C-alpha atoms as a PDB file:
ATOM      1  CA  MET A   1      92.277  77.635  -2.012  1.00  0.00           C
ATOM      2  CA  LYS A   2      88.608  78.393  -2.419  1.00  0.00           C
ATOM      3  CA  LYS A   3      86.804  76.126  -4.856  1.00  0.00           C
ATOM      4  CA  PRO A   4      85.072  77.137  -8.091  1.00  0.00           C
ATOM      5  CA  SER A   5      81.358  77.210  -7.375  1.00  0.00           C
ATOM      6  CA  ILE A   6      78.018  78.277  -8.795  1.00  0.00           C
ATOM      7  CA  ILE A   7      76.392  81.149  -6.896  1.00  0.00           C
ATOM      8  CA  GLN A   8      72.702  81.915  -7.240  1.00  0.00           C
ATOM      9  CA  LEU A   9      71.914  85.620  -7.456  1.00  0.00           C
ATOM     10  CA  PRO A  10      68.699  87.373  -6.456  1.00  0.00           C
ATOM     11  CA  LYS A  11      66.099  87.336  -9.213  1.00  0.00           C
ATOM     12  CA  ILE A  12      63.274  89.861  -9.199  1.00  0.00           C
ATOM     13  CA  THR A  13      60.636  88.652 -11.637  1.00  0.00           C
ATOM     14  CA  ASP A  14      58.504  91.128 -13.518  1.00  0.00           C
ATOM     15  CA  PRO A  15      56.368  90.723 -16.661  1.00  0.00           C
ATOM     16  CA  ARG A  16      58.180  93.799 -18.036  1.00  0.00           C
ATOM     17  CA  GLY A  17      61.553  92.030 -17.721  1.00  0.00           C
ATOM     18  CA  ASN A  18      63.479  90.335 -14.933  1.00  0.00           C
ATOM     19  CA  LEU A  19      66.255  91.865 -12.839  1.00  0.00           C
ATOM     20  CA  SER A  20      69.254  90.387 -11.032  1.00  0.00           C
ATOM     21  CA  PHE A  21      71.838  92.220  -8.975  1.00  0.00           C
ATOM     22  CA  LEU A  22      74.942  91.709  -6.877  1.00  0.00           C
ATOM     23  CA  GLU A  23      77.268  93.576  -4.549  1.00  0.00           C
ATOM     24  CA  GLY A  24      80.924  92.899  -3.768  1.00  0.00           C
ATOM     25  CA  ASN A  25      81.693  91.004  -0.549  1.00  0.00           C
ATOM     26  CA  LYS A  26      78.005  90.250  -0.172  1.00  0.00           C
ATOM     27  CA  HIS A  27      76.760  88.172  -3.081  1.00  0.00           C
ATOM     28  CA  ILE A  28      80.274  87.426  -4.329  1.00  0.00           C
ATOM     29  CA  PRO A  29      83.398  87.016  -2.139  1.00  0.00           C
ATOM     30  CA  PHE A  30      85.397  90.042  -3.328  1.00  0.00           C
ATOM     31  CA  GLU A  31      85.139  93.749  -4.027  1.00  0.00           C
ATOM     32  CA  ILE A  32      84.629  94.620  -7.692  1.00  0.00           C
ATOM     33  CA  LYS A  33      87.580  96.451  -9.241  1.00  0.00           C
ATOM     34  CA  ARG A  34      86.989  95.679 -12.916  1.00  0.00           C
ATOM     35  CA  ALA A  35      84.110  94.578 -15.134  1.00  0.00           C
ATOM     36  CA  TYR A  36      84.091  93.479 -18.730  1.00  0.00           C
ATOM     37  CA  TRP A  37      81.607  91.881 -21.067  1.00  0.00           C
ATOM     38  CA  ILE A  38      82.122  89.723 -24.133  1.00  0.00           C
ATOM     39  CA  TYR A  39      79.617  90.053 -26.988  1.00  0.00           C
ATOM     40  CA  ASP A  40      79.158  89.474 -30.735  1.00  0.00           C
ATOM     41  CA  VAL A  41      80.450  85.944 -30.148  1.00  0.00           C
ATOM     42  CA  PRO A  42      80.040  83.508 -33.080  1.00  0.00           C
ATOM     43  CA  GLY A  43      78.302  80.281 -32.089  1.00  0.00           C
ATOM     44  CA  GLY A  44      80.558  77.461 -30.874  1.00  0.00           C
ATOM     45  CA  GLU A  45      83.573  79.645 -30.132  1.00  0.00           C
ATOM     46  CA  THR A  46      86.114  79.198 -27.322  1.00  0.00           C
ATOM     47  CA  ARG A  47      87.490  82.116 -25.313  1.00  0.00           C
ATOM     48  CA  GLY A  48      90.025  82.455 -22.530  1.00  0.00           C
ATOM     49  CA  GLY A  49      92.670  79.873 -21.811  1.00  0.00           C
ATOM     50  CA  HIS A  50      94.586  81.573 -18.992  1.00  0.00           C
ATOM     51  CA  ALA A  51      94.930  81.740 -15.227  1.00  0.00           C
ATOM     52  CA  PHE A  52      95.521  84.449 -12.646  1.00  0.00           C
ATOM     53  CA  ARG A  53      97.897  84.477  -9.718  1.00  0.00           C
ATOM     54  CA  GLU A  54      95.749  86.786  -7.595  1.00  0.00           C
ATOM     55  CA  GLN A  55      92.623  87.787  -9.467  1.00  0.00           C
ATOM     56  CA  GLN A  56      89.268  86.232  -8.579  1.00  0.00           C
ATOM     57  CA  GLU A  57      86.420  86.286 -11.104  1.00  0.00           C
ATOM     58  CA  PHE A  58      82.672  85.952 -11.246  1.00  0.00           C
ATOM     59  CA  ILE A  59      81.183  84.988 -14.621  1.00  0.00           C
ATOM     60  CA  VAL A  60      77.544  85.358 -15.657  1.00  0.00           C
ATOM     61  CA  ALA A  61      75.740  84.461 -18.876  1.00  0.00           C
ATOM     62  CA  MET A  62      73.619  87.604 -19.189  1.00  0.00           C
ATOM     63  CA  SER A  63      72.276  86.262 -22.473  1.00  0.00           C
ATOM     64  CA  GLY A  64      72.621  82.949 -24.266  1.00  0.00           C
ATOM     65  CA  SER A  65      74.795  80.175 -22.890  1.00  0.00           C
ATOM     66  CA  PHE A  66      78.346  78.878 -22.706  1.00  0.00           C
ATOM     67  CA  ASP A  67      80.492  76.470 -20.690  1.00  0.00           C
ATOM     68  CA  VAL A  68      83.403  77.324 -18.418  1.00  0.00           C
ATOM     69  CA  VAL A  69      86.048  74.603 -18.086  1.00  0.00           C
ATOM     70  CA  ILE A  70      88.157  74.876 -14.926  1.00  0.00           C
ATOM     71  CA  ASP A  71      91.517  73.129 -14.400  1.00  0.00           C
ATOM     72  CA  THR A  72      93.106  73.366 -10.948  1.00  0.00           C
ATOM     73  CA  GLY A  73      96.406  71.983 -12.216  1.00  0.00           C
ATOM     74  CA  LYS A  74      96.067  68.730 -10.306  1.00  0.00           C
ATOM     75  CA  GLY A  75      94.947  66.574 -13.187  1.00  0.00           C
ATOM     76  CA  ARG A  76      91.260  67.351 -12.749  1.00  0.00           C
ATOM     77  CA  LYS A  77      88.965  69.417 -14.952  1.00  0.00           C
ATOM     78  CA  LYS A  78      85.404  70.428 -14.291  1.00  0.00           C
ATOM     79  CA  LYS A  79      82.871  71.936 -16.686  1.00  0.00           C
ATOM     80  CA  PHE A  80      80.245  74.416 -15.542  1.00  0.00           C
ATOM     81  CA  SER A  81      77.376  75.253 -17.901  1.00  0.00           C
ATOM     82  CA  LEU A  82      76.069  78.804 -17.613  1.00  0.00           C
ATOM     83  CA  ASN A  83      72.685  79.462 -19.205  1.00  0.00           C
ATOM     84  CA  ARG A  84      70.703  81.420 -16.594  1.00  0.00           C
ATOM     85  CA  SER A  85      71.151  85.133 -15.930  1.00  0.00           C
ATOM     86  CA  TYR A  86      70.586  84.663 -12.200  1.00  0.00           C
ATOM     87  CA  PHE A  87      73.403  82.133 -11.714  1.00  0.00           C
ATOM     88  CA  GLY A  88      77.125  82.869 -11.937  1.00  0.00           C
ATOM     89  CA  LEU A  89      80.392  81.003 -11.546  1.00  0.00           C
ATOM     90  CA  TYR A  90      82.925  82.056  -8.924  1.00  0.00           C
ATOM     91  CA  VAL A  91      86.480  81.332 -10.123  1.00  0.00           C
ATOM     92  CA  PRO A  92      89.177  81.648  -7.439  1.00  0.00           C
ATOM     93  CA  ALA A  93      92.744  82.681  -8.218  1.00  0.00           C
ATOM     94  CA  GLY A  94      95.086  79.972  -9.459  1.00  0.00           C
ATOM     95  CA  CYS A  95      92.644  78.202 -11.814  1.00  0.00           C
ATOM     96  CA  TRP A  96      93.113  77.750 -15.552  1.00  0.00           C
ATOM     97  CA  ARG A  97      89.836  78.539 -17.244  1.00  0.00           C
ATOM     98  CA  GLN A  98      88.365  78.465 -20.733  1.00  0.00           C
ATOM     99  CA  MET A  99      84.960  79.588 -21.942  1.00  0.00           C
ATOM    100  CA  THR A 100      83.599  77.269 -24.617  1.00  0.00           C
ATOM    101  CA  ASN A 101      80.487  76.345 -26.635  1.00  0.00           C
ATOM    102  CA  PHE A 102      79.066  79.845 -26.866  1.00  0.00           C
ATOM    103  CA  SER A 103      75.591  80.035 -28.307  1.00  0.00           C
ATOM    104  CA  THR A 104      75.380  82.626 -31.070  1.00  0.00           C
ATOM    105  CA  ASN A 105      75.506  86.224 -29.788  1.00  0.00           C
ATOM    106  CA  SER A 106      75.794  85.278 -26.122  1.00  0.00           C
ATOM    107  CA  ILE A 107      76.790  87.965 -23.619  1.00  0.00           C
ATOM    108  CA  ALA A 108      79.259  87.013 -20.890  1.00  0.00           C
ATOM    109  CA  LEU A 109      79.719  89.380 -17.950  1.00  0.00           C
ATOM    110  CA  VAL A 110      82.962  89.005 -15.968  1.00  0.00           C
ATOM    111  CA  LEU A 111      83.571  90.814 -12.676  1.00  0.00           C
ATOM    112  CA  ALA A 112      87.133  90.867 -11.361  1.00  0.00           C
ATOM    113  CA  SER A 113      88.746  91.465  -7.979  1.00  0.00           C
ATOM    114  CA  THR A 114      91.731  93.433  -9.345  1.00  0.00           C
ATOM    115  CA  THR A 115      92.414  96.076 -11.938  1.00  0.00           C
ATOM    116  CA  TYR A 116      94.211  94.967 -15.097  1.00  0.00           C
ATOM    117  CA  GLN A 117      97.758  93.794 -14.430  1.00  0.00           C
ATOM    118  CA  GLU A 118      99.477  91.869 -17.232  1.00  0.00           C
ATOM    119  CA  SER A 119     101.921  90.428 -14.687  1.00  0.00           C
ATOM    120  CA  ASP A 120      99.012  88.649 -12.964  1.00  0.00           C
ATOM    121  CA  TYR A 121      98.161  86.600 -16.068  1.00  0.00           C
ATOM    122  CA  ILE A 122      99.523  83.131 -16.738  1.00  0.00           C
ATOM    123  CA  ARG A 123      98.918  82.587 -20.441  1.00  0.00           C
ATOM    124  CA  ASN A 124     100.986  79.455 -21.085  1.00  0.00           C
ATOM    125  CA  PHE A 125      99.539  76.189 -19.798  1.00  0.00           C
ATOM    126  CA  GLU A 126     102.936  74.675 -19.025  1.00  0.00           C
ATOM    127  CA  ASP A 127     103.754  77.698 -16.861  1.00  0.00           C
ATOM    128  CA  PHE A 128     100.402  77.197 -15.160  1.00  0.00           C
ATOM    129  CA  ARG A 129     101.193  73.548 -14.364  1.00  0.00           C
ATOM    130  CA  ILE A 130     104.410  74.646 -12.683  1.00  0.00           C
ATOM    131  CA  PHE A 131     102.614  77.432 -10.828  1.00  0.00           C
ATOM    132  CA  ALA A 132      99.905  75.021  -9.629  1.00  0.00           C
ATOM    133  CA  THR A 133     102.491  72.828  -7.880  1.00  0.00           C
ATOM    134  CA  GLU A 134     105.016  75.480  -6.830  1.00  0.00           C
ATOM    135  CA  PRO A 135     103.347  78.920  -6.992  1.00  0.00           C
ATOM    136  CA  ASN A 136     106.446  80.766  -5.792  1.00  0.00           C
ATOM    137  CA  ILE A 137     108.554  79.697  -8.785  1.00  0.00           C
ATOM    138  CA  ILE A 138     107.004  82.328 -11.037  1.00  0.00           C
ATOM    139  CA  THR A 139     107.810  85.760  -9.688  1.00  0.00           C
ATOM    140  CA  ASN A 140     104.720  87.770  -8.941  1.00  0.00           C
ATOM    141  CA  ASN A 141     105.216  91.435  -9.771  1.00  0.00           C
ATOM    142  CA  ILE A 142     101.607  92.488  -9.425  1.00  0.00           C
ATOM    143  CA  THR A 143     101.141  95.758  -7.609  1.00  0.00           C
ATOM    144  CA  SER A 144      98.000  96.504  -5.656  1.00  0.00           C
ATOM    145  CA  ASN A 145      95.838  99.322  -6.950  1.00  0.00           C
ATOM    146  CA  ASN A 146      93.991 100.903  -4.056  1.00  0.00           C
ATOM    147  CA  LEU A 147      92.831 103.921  -6.029  1.00  0.00           C
ATOM    148  CA  ARG A 148      89.622 105.325  -4.612  1.00  0.00           C
ATOM    149  CA  PHE A 149      87.757 107.700  -6.850  1.00  0.00           C
ATOM    150  CA  THR A 150      85.962 110.608  -5.267  1.00  0.00           C
ATOM    151  CA  ASN A 151      82.630 111.355  -6.884  1.00  0.00           C
ATOM    152  CA  PRO A 152      82.202 114.906  -8.186  1.00  0.00           C
ATOM    153  CA  ALA A 153      80.405 117.165  -5.745  1.00  0.00           C
ATOM    154  CA  PHE A 154      76.869 117.445  -7.111  1.00  0.00           C
ATOM    155  CA  ASN A 155      73.942 119.019  -5.326  1.00  0.00           C
ATOM    156  CA  GLU A 156      71.160 116.737  -6.530  1.00  0.00           C
ATOM    157  CA  SER A 157      68.610 119.553  -6.505  1.00  0.00           C
ATOM    158  CA  ASN A 158      70.704 121.513  -9.024  1.00  0.00           C
ATOM    159  CA  THR A 159      71.647 118.773 -11.499  1.00  0.00           C
ATOM    160  CA  SER A 160      70.367 118.935 -15.069  1.00  0.00           C
ATOM    161  CA  VAL A 161      69.936 116.502 -17.925  1.00  0.00           C
ATOM    162  CA  HIS A 162      73.057 118.032 -19.502  1.00  0.00           C
ATOM    163  CA  ASP A 163      75.165 116.637 -16.654  1.00  0.00           C
ATOM    164  CA  CYS A 164      74.332 113.164 -18.020  1.00  0.00           C
ATOM    165  CA  LYS A 165      76.791 112.151 -20.743  1.00  0.00           C
ATOM    166  CA  VAL A 166      77.291 109.244 -23.126  1.00  0.00           C
ATOM    167  CA  ILE A 167      80.741 107.806 -22.486  1.00  0.00           C
ATOM    168  CA  GLU A 168      82.614 105.950 -25.223  1.00  0.00           C
ATOM    169  CA  LEU A 169      84.000 102.791 -23.634  1.00  0.00           C
ATOM    170  CA  ASP A 170      86.898 100.741 -24.931  1.00  0.00           C
ATOM    171  CA  LYS A 171      85.995  98.255 -27.637  1.00  0.00           C
ATOM    172  CA  ASN A 172      88.536  95.487 -28.113  1.00  0.00           C
ATOM    173  CA  HIS A 173      87.651  93.806 -31.392  1.00  0.00           C
ATOM    174  CA  ARG A 174      88.311  90.080 -31.593  1.00  0.00           C
ATOM    175  CA  ASP A 175      87.268  87.579 -34.237  1.00  0.00           C
ATOM    176  CA  LYS A 176      85.957  85.334 -31.453  1.00  0.00           C
ATOM    177  CA  GLY A 177      83.877  88.070 -29.846  1.00  0.00           C
ATOM    178  CA  ASN A 178      84.411  91.681 -28.804  1.00  0.00           C
ATOM    179  CA  ILE A 179      85.273  92.847 -25.270  1.00  0.00           C
ATOM    180  CA  THR A 180      84.499  96.089 -23.459  1.00  0.00           C
ATOM    181  CA  VAL A 181      86.261  96.759 -20.138  1.00  0.00           C
ATOM    182  CA  VAL A 182      85.720  99.301 -17.356  1.00  0.00           C
ATOM    183  CA  GLU A 183      87.772  99.797 -14.191  1.00  0.00           C
ATOM    184  CA  ASN A 184      87.255 101.749 -11.015  1.00  0.00           C
ATOM    185  CA  GLY A 185      88.520 105.310 -11.412  1.00  0.00           C
ATOM    186  CA  LYS A 186      89.150 104.881 -15.158  1.00  0.00           C
ATOM    187  CA  ILE A 187      86.643 106.118 -17.753  1.00  0.00           C
ATOM    188  CA  ILE A 188      83.737 105.738 -15.321  1.00  0.00           C
ATOM    189  CA  PRO A 189      83.791 108.372 -12.564  1.00  0.00           C
ATOM    190  CA  PHE A 190      83.177 106.153  -9.523  1.00  0.00           C
ATOM    191  CA  ASP A 191      83.992 102.835  -7.871  1.00  0.00           C
ATOM    192  CA  ILE A 192      81.633  99.968  -8.785  1.00  0.00           C
ATOM    193  CA  ASN A 193      79.784  98.907  -5.647  1.00  0.00           C
ATOM    194  CA  ARG A 194      76.741  97.316  -7.246  1.00  0.00           C
ATOM    195  CA  VAL A 195      75.959  95.723 -10.594  1.00  0.00           C
ATOM    196  CA  TYR A 196      72.500  94.873 -11.859  1.00  0.00           C
ATOM    197  CA  TYR A 197      70.970  94.007 -15.188  1.00  0.00           C
ATOM    198  CA  LEU A 198      67.572  93.696 -16.815  1.00  0.00           C
ATOM    199  CA  TYR A 199      66.919  90.740 -19.115  1.00  0.00           C
ATOM    200  CA  ASP A 200      64.050  88.752 -20.645  1.00  0.00           C
ATOM    201  CA  VAL A 201      62.525  92.119 -21.563  1.00  0.00           C
ATOM    202  CA  PRO A 202      59.563  91.926 -23.990  1.00  0.00           C
ATOM    203  CA  GLY A 203      59.772  94.265 -26.961  1.00  0.00           C
ATOM    204  CA  GLY A 204      58.370  97.755 -26.421  1.00  0.00           C
ATOM    205  CA  GLU A 205      58.323  97.554 -22.613  1.00  0.00           C
ATOM    206  CA  GLU A 206      59.046 100.372 -20.157  1.00  0.00           C
ATOM    207  CA  ARG A 207      61.068 100.185 -16.933  1.00  0.00           C
ATOM    208  CA  GLY A 208      62.498 102.579 -14.363  1.00  0.00           C
ATOM    209  CA  GLY A 209      60.675 105.666 -13.243  1.00  0.00           C
ATOM    210  CA  HIS A 210      62.749 106.810 -10.261  1.00  0.00           C
ATOM    211  CA  ALA A 211      65.618 109.067  -9.211  1.00  0.00           C
ATOM    212  CA  HIS A 212      68.479 108.903  -6.706  1.00  0.00           C
ATOM    213  CA  LYS A 213      69.790 111.372  -4.158  1.00  0.00           C
ATOM    214  CA  GLU A 214      73.427 110.235  -4.231  1.00  0.00           C
ATOM    215  CA  LEU A 215      73.803 107.318  -6.630  1.00  0.00           C
ATOM    216  CA  TYR A 216      75.764 107.579  -9.888  1.00  0.00           C
ATOM    217  CA  GLN A 217      75.001 105.083 -12.654  1.00  0.00           C
ATOM    218  CA  ILE A 218      76.365 103.933 -15.992  1.00  0.00           C
ATOM    219  CA  LEU A 219      73.683 102.345 -18.217  1.00  0.00           C
ATOM    220  CA  ILE A 220      74.787 100.105 -21.089  1.00  0.00           C
ATOM    221  CA  ALA A 221      72.779  98.323 -23.771  1.00  0.00           C
ATOM    222  CA  ALA A 222      74.809  95.112 -23.526  1.00  0.00           C
ATOM    223  CA  GLY A 223      72.339  93.556 -25.939  1.00  0.00           C
ATOM    224  CA  GLY A 224      69.593  95.070 -28.079  1.00  0.00           C
ATOM    225  CA  SER A 225      68.500  98.676 -27.623  1.00  0.00           C
ATOM    226  CA  PHE A 226      66.315 100.978 -25.546  1.00  0.00           C
ATOM    227  CA  ASP A 227      65.691 104.664 -24.838  1.00  0.00           C
ATOM    228  CA  VAL A 228      66.487 106.477 -21.594  1.00  0.00           C
ATOM    229  CA  ILE A 229      64.218 109.425 -20.779  1.00  0.00           C
ATOM    230  CA  LEU A 230      66.065 111.908 -18.534  1.00  0.00           C
ATOM    231  CA  ASP A 231      64.135 114.548 -16.578  1.00  0.00           C
ATOM    232  CA  ASP A 232      65.636 117.218 -14.295  1.00  0.00           C
ATOM    233  CA  GLY A 233      62.282 118.787 -13.394  1.00  0.00           C
ATOM    234  CA  LYS A 234      62.607 121.524 -16.007  1.00  0.00           C
ATOM    235  CA  GLU A 235      63.814 119.788 -19.135  1.00  0.00           C
ATOM    236  CA  LYS A 236      63.576 116.317 -20.626  1.00  0.00           C
ATOM    237  CA  ARG A 237      66.060 114.580 -22.885  1.00  0.00           C
ATOM    238  CA  THR A 238      65.971 111.210 -24.641  1.00  0.00           C
ATOM    239  CA  VAL A 239      69.127 109.131 -25.141  1.00  0.00           C
ATOM    240  CA  HIS A 240      69.040 106.054 -27.382  1.00  0.00           C
ATOM    241  CA  LEU A 241      71.406 103.262 -26.343  1.00  0.00           C
ATOM    242  CA  ASN A 242      72.169 100.476 -28.821  1.00  0.00           C
ATOM    243  CA  ARG A 243      75.936  99.835 -28.550  1.00  0.00           C
ATOM    244  CA  PRO A 244      77.562  97.619 -25.886  1.00  0.00           C
ATOM    245  CA  TYR A 245      80.627  99.903 -25.936  1.00  0.00           C
ATOM    246  CA  GLN A 246      78.720 103.063 -24.989  1.00  0.00           C
ATOM    247  CA  GLY A 247      77.561 103.934 -21.484  1.00  0.00           C
ATOM    248  CA  LEU A 248      75.219 106.665 -20.291  1.00  0.00           C
ATOM    249  CA  LYS A 249      76.387 108.353 -17.093  1.00  0.00           C
ATOM    250  CA  ILE A 250      73.459 109.473 -14.935  1.00  0.00           C
ATOM    251  CA  VAL A 251      74.208 111.792 -12.014  1.00  0.00           C
ATOM    252  CA  PRO A 252      72.155 112.085  -8.808  1.00  0.00           C
ATOM    253  CA  GLY A 253      68.926 114.064  -8.897  1.00  0.00           C
ATOM    254  CA  ILE A 254      67.748 112.959 -12.353  1.00  0.00           C
ATOM    255  CA  TRP A 255      64.442 111.189 -12.913  1.00  0.00           C
ATOM    256  CA  ARG A 256      64.941 108.454 -15.465  1.00  0.00           C
ATOM    257  CA  GLU A 257      62.757 106.001 -17.312  1.00  0.00           C
ATOM    258  CA  LEU A 258      63.698 103.195 -19.712  1.00  0.00           C
ATOM    259  CA  MET A 259      61.470 102.779 -22.764  1.00  0.00           C
ATOM    260  CA  ASN A 260      61.162 101.169 -26.199  1.00  0.00           C
ATOM    261  CA  PHE A 261      63.152  98.021 -25.438  1.00  0.00           C
ATOM    262  CA  SER A 262      63.866  95.838 -28.423  1.00  0.00           C
ATOM    263  CA  SER A 263      62.885  92.205 -27.775  1.00  0.00           C
ATOM    264  CA  GLY A 264      65.392  90.343 -25.611  1.00  0.00           C
ATOM    265  CA  SER A 265      67.414  93.437 -24.745  1.00  0.00           C
ATOM    266  CA  CYS A 266      69.860  93.330 -21.864  1.00  0.00           C
ATOM    267  CA  CYS A 267      70.423  96.529 -19.842  1.00  0.00           C
ATOM    268  CA  LEU A 268      73.590  96.459 -17.730  1.00  0.00           C
ATOM    269  CA  VAL A 269      73.987  98.998 -14.918  1.00  0.00           C
ATOM    270  CA  MET A 270      77.105  99.860 -12.896  1.00  0.00           C
ATOM    271  CA  ALA A 271      76.262 101.736  -9.699  1.00  0.00           C
ATOM    272  CA  SER A 272      78.358 103.781  -7.276  1.00  0.00           C
ATOM    273  CA  HIS A 273      76.567 102.720  -4.082  1.00  0.00           C
ATOM    274  CA  ARG A 274      75.266  99.585  -2.466  1.00  0.00           C
ATOM    275  CA  TYR A 275      71.508  99.213  -2.309  1.00  0.00           C
ATOM    276  CA  ASP A 276      69.908 101.773  -0.002  1.00  0.00           C
ATOM    277  CA  GLU A 277      66.151 102.217  -0.239  1.00  0.00           C
ATOM    278  CA  GLY A 278      66.518 105.619   1.417  1.00  0.00           C
ATOM    279  CA  ASP A 279      68.476 106.873  -1.591  1.00  0.00           C
ATOM    280  CA  TYR A 280      65.594 106.193  -3.988  1.00  0.00           C
ATOM    281  CA  ILE A 281      62.961 108.744  -4.985  1.00  0.00           C
ATOM    282  CA  ARG A 282      60.146 106.589  -6.341  1.00  0.00           C
ATOM    283  CA  GLU A 283      57.326 109.126  -6.583  1.00  0.00           C
ATOM    284  CA  TYR A 284      57.539 111.930  -9.119  1.00  0.00           C
ATOM    285  CA  GLU A 285      55.858 114.318  -6.690  1.00  0.00           C
ATOM    286  CA  GLY A 286      58.712 113.791  -4.226  1.00  0.00           C
ATOM    287  CA  PHE A 287      61.204 114.346  -7.039  1.00  0.00           C
ATOM    288  CA  GLU A 288      59.573 117.668  -7.912  1.00  0.00           C
ATOM    289  CA  LYS A 289      59.783 118.773  -4.274  1.00  0.00           C
ATOM    290  CA  LEU A 290      63.495 117.940  -4.233  1.00  0.00           C
ATOM    291  CA  LYS A 291      64.183 119.912  -7.394  1.00  0.00           C
ATOM    292  CA  ASN A 292      62.085 122.859  -6.222  1.00  0.00           C
ATOM    293  CA  ALA A 293      64.190 122.996  -3.076  1.00  0.00           C
ATOM    294  CA  ALA A 294      67.168 124.277  -5.108  1.00  0.00           C
ATOM    295  CA  PRO A 295      68.349 127.686  -3.795  1.00  0.00           C
ATOM    296  CA  ASN A 296      67.730 130.687  -6.020  1.00  0.00           C
ATOM    297  CA  PRO A 297      70.864 131.761  -7.943  1.00  0.00           C
END
């Protein structure tokens, strides 16, 4: 079995706010099938207390701090303290884990290797102890979900700001902190191939200022608030994001800028493609040329 371990992520420093990112099977040892984030957590709370038969996880403190206590079922526990947005904890399958000692209003991001399957959970510690010594005793009924979502066919030169929509995400209210979950092919219209987030953002700052030829994005204000300025070359539209259970879908061919950050905001982005510099349009003049290339109706 792979061991729980801390993985350092890339950190791009910027006085306007720092950025970290990761891709499945590159920065972490699995493809991302599900993502969820825990927020509105009262200080000192404990979350979790379960294991998975097959699911691997990667846990990041996007804001604040908390501890993750790992038990491999062999009489040994280990505590990992997460308090940096550019470090995360890899948790292999078959480990009992709890998240403890949350600082007030921390944000925990969890990336998972499988879609939700209740049969993959082990929620009773005594069952986990049995599973840790004889994993075949507990029948595993998990079924693989190989759903691949096909992105809608957009011609980036013809897209408009009205193709960008605010999506209401699930909000699971808990007294110990709320959870919002997204899965590939469910609610969000693409498979998650890259995740990145902006943090340590000073109040009132601006970020962004680019477009993509093929990339789809979901932008979420996981903490704080900010405005997204959308521009299709003919019309502009401003969307205010201030709820961790709402995501703004941005289609290819839209110039976007992030503005008016509240102090300490955290912008979480789910992306449909791995990093490809050739997909970026970083100069507005090039963006205008792309949009002007649209065929006449």
